[in-house]
């Protein structure tokens, strides 16, 4: 199991298009992927769940990957979050 914290940098946060990109990428992996904001943890492969977090700019989220491709999943998801500029 891998756990990483990330501060959302883009202006819109993890909403609409950025959330869609994140969920699509997360869904391409076999491992379990969770996102946690404050005390709420959701399935990163569920668009509705990710949107309910309300993770805006400046929000710290915790990403947990657990399973056979957890390292690759974590690296690619962190890279994606860093690349999202809108």
Protein backbone atom coordinates (compact mmCIF):
# COMPACT_ATOMS: atom_id res chain seq x y z
CA UNK A 1 0.00 0.00 0.00
CA UNK A 2 1.26 3.47 -0.93
CA UNK A 3 0.02 6.74 0.58
CA UNK A 4 0.86 10.21 -0.74
CA UNK A 5 -0.41 13.70 0.07
CA UNK A 6 -0.95 16.24 -2.71
CA UNK A 7 -2.02 19.90 -2.65
CA UNK A 8 -4.40 20.76 -5.51
CA UNK A 9 -2.80 23.60 -7.51
CA UNK A 10 -5.12 24.24 -10.46
CA UNK A 11 -7.71 27.03 -10.24
CA UNK A 12 -10.83 24.87 -10.55
CA UNK A 13 -9.65 22.17 -8.16
CA UNK A 14 -10.65 18.55 -8.72
CA UNK A 15 -13.92 19.37 -10.49
CA UNK A 16 -15.47 18.63 -13.90
CA UNK A 17 -12.71 18.09 -16.49
CA UNK A 18 -9.80 17.54 -14.03
CA UNK A 19 -11.90 15.05 -12.07
CA UNK A 20 -12.87 13.28 -15.28
CA UNK A 21 -9.22 12.94 -16.31
CA UNK A 22 -8.27 11.68 -12.85
CA UNK A 23 -11.07 9.08 -12.71
CA UNK A 24 -10.30 7.88 -16.23
CA UNK A 25 -6.61 7.42 -15.35
CA UNK A 26 -7.43 5.75 -11.99
CA UNK A 27 -9.83 3.36 -13.71
CA UNK A 28 -7.06 2.13 -16.01
CA UNK A 29 -5.31 0.41 -13.08
CA UNK A 30 -6.17 -2.86 -11.35
CA UNK A 31 -5.27 -1.73 -7.83
CA UNK A 32 -7.64 -0.11 -5.36
CA UNK A 33 -7.33 3.70 -5.41
CA UNK A 34 -8.83 5.98 -2.76
CA UNK A 35 -8.79 9.74 -2.31
CA UNK A 36 -9.24 11.30 1.10
CA UNK A 37 -10.03 14.92 1.96
CA UNK A 38 -10.29 15.72 5.66
CA UNK A 39 -12.23 12.74 7.09
CA UNK A 40 -13.97 11.73 3.84
CA UNK A 41 -12.45 8.91 1.76
CA UNK A 42 -13.88 7.92 -1.63
CA UNK A 43 -13.22 5.54 -4.51
CA UNK A 44 -11.03 7.37 -7.04
CA UNK A 45 -12.61 5.35 -9.86
CA UNK A 46 -16.05 6.89 -9.24
CA UNK A 47 -16.66 10.29 -10.86
CA UNK A 48 -19.57 11.13 -8.55
CA UNK A 49 -17.56 10.20 -5.46
CA UNK A 50 -14.58 12.33 -6.52
CA UNK A 51 -16.83 15.32 -7.20
CA UNK A 52 -18.49 15.03 -3.77
CA UNK A 53 -15.12 15.71 -2.13
CA UNK A 54 -15.26 19.33 -3.26
CA UNK A 55 -11.46 19.45 -3.50
CA UNK A 56 -10.75 23.03 -4.52
CA UNK A 57 -7.48 24.86 -5.14
CA UNK A 58 -5.20 24.67 -2.13
CA UNK A 59 -6.91 21.56 -0.73
CA UNK A 60 -4.66 18.77 0.53
CA UNK A 61 -5.81 15.32 -0.56
CA UNK A 62 -4.38 11.93 0.36
CA UNK A 63 -4.15 9.29 -2.36
CA UNK A 64 -3.89 5.62 -1.41
CA UNK A 65 -3.09 2.87 -3.92
CA UNK A 66 -3.19 -0.78 -2.92
CA UNK A 67 -2.62 -3.74 -5.22
CA UNK A 68 -0.43 -5.22 -7.90
CA UNK A 69 0.17 -2.01 -9.93
CA UNK A 70 0.07 0.43 -6.99
CA UNK A 71 3.47 2.05 -7.68
CA UNK A 72 2.74 2.78 -11.33
CA UNK A 73 -0.75 4.02 -10.47
CA UNK A 74 0.52 6.41 -7.79
CA UNK A 75 3.23 7.86 -10.02
CA UNK A 76 0.92 8.39 -12.99
CA UNK A 77 -1.84 9.95 -10.88
CA UNK A 78 0.57 12.37 -9.18
CA UNK A 79 2.03 13.30 -12.57
CA UNK A 80 -1.47 13.91 -13.93
CA UNK A 81 -2.39 16.16 -11.01
CA UNK A 82 0.79 18.19 -11.52
CA UNK A 83 0.07 18.60 -15.25
CA UNK A 84 -3.51 19.85 -14.86
CA UNK A 85 -3.35 23.64 -15.18
CA UNK A 86 -7.00 24.69 -15.41
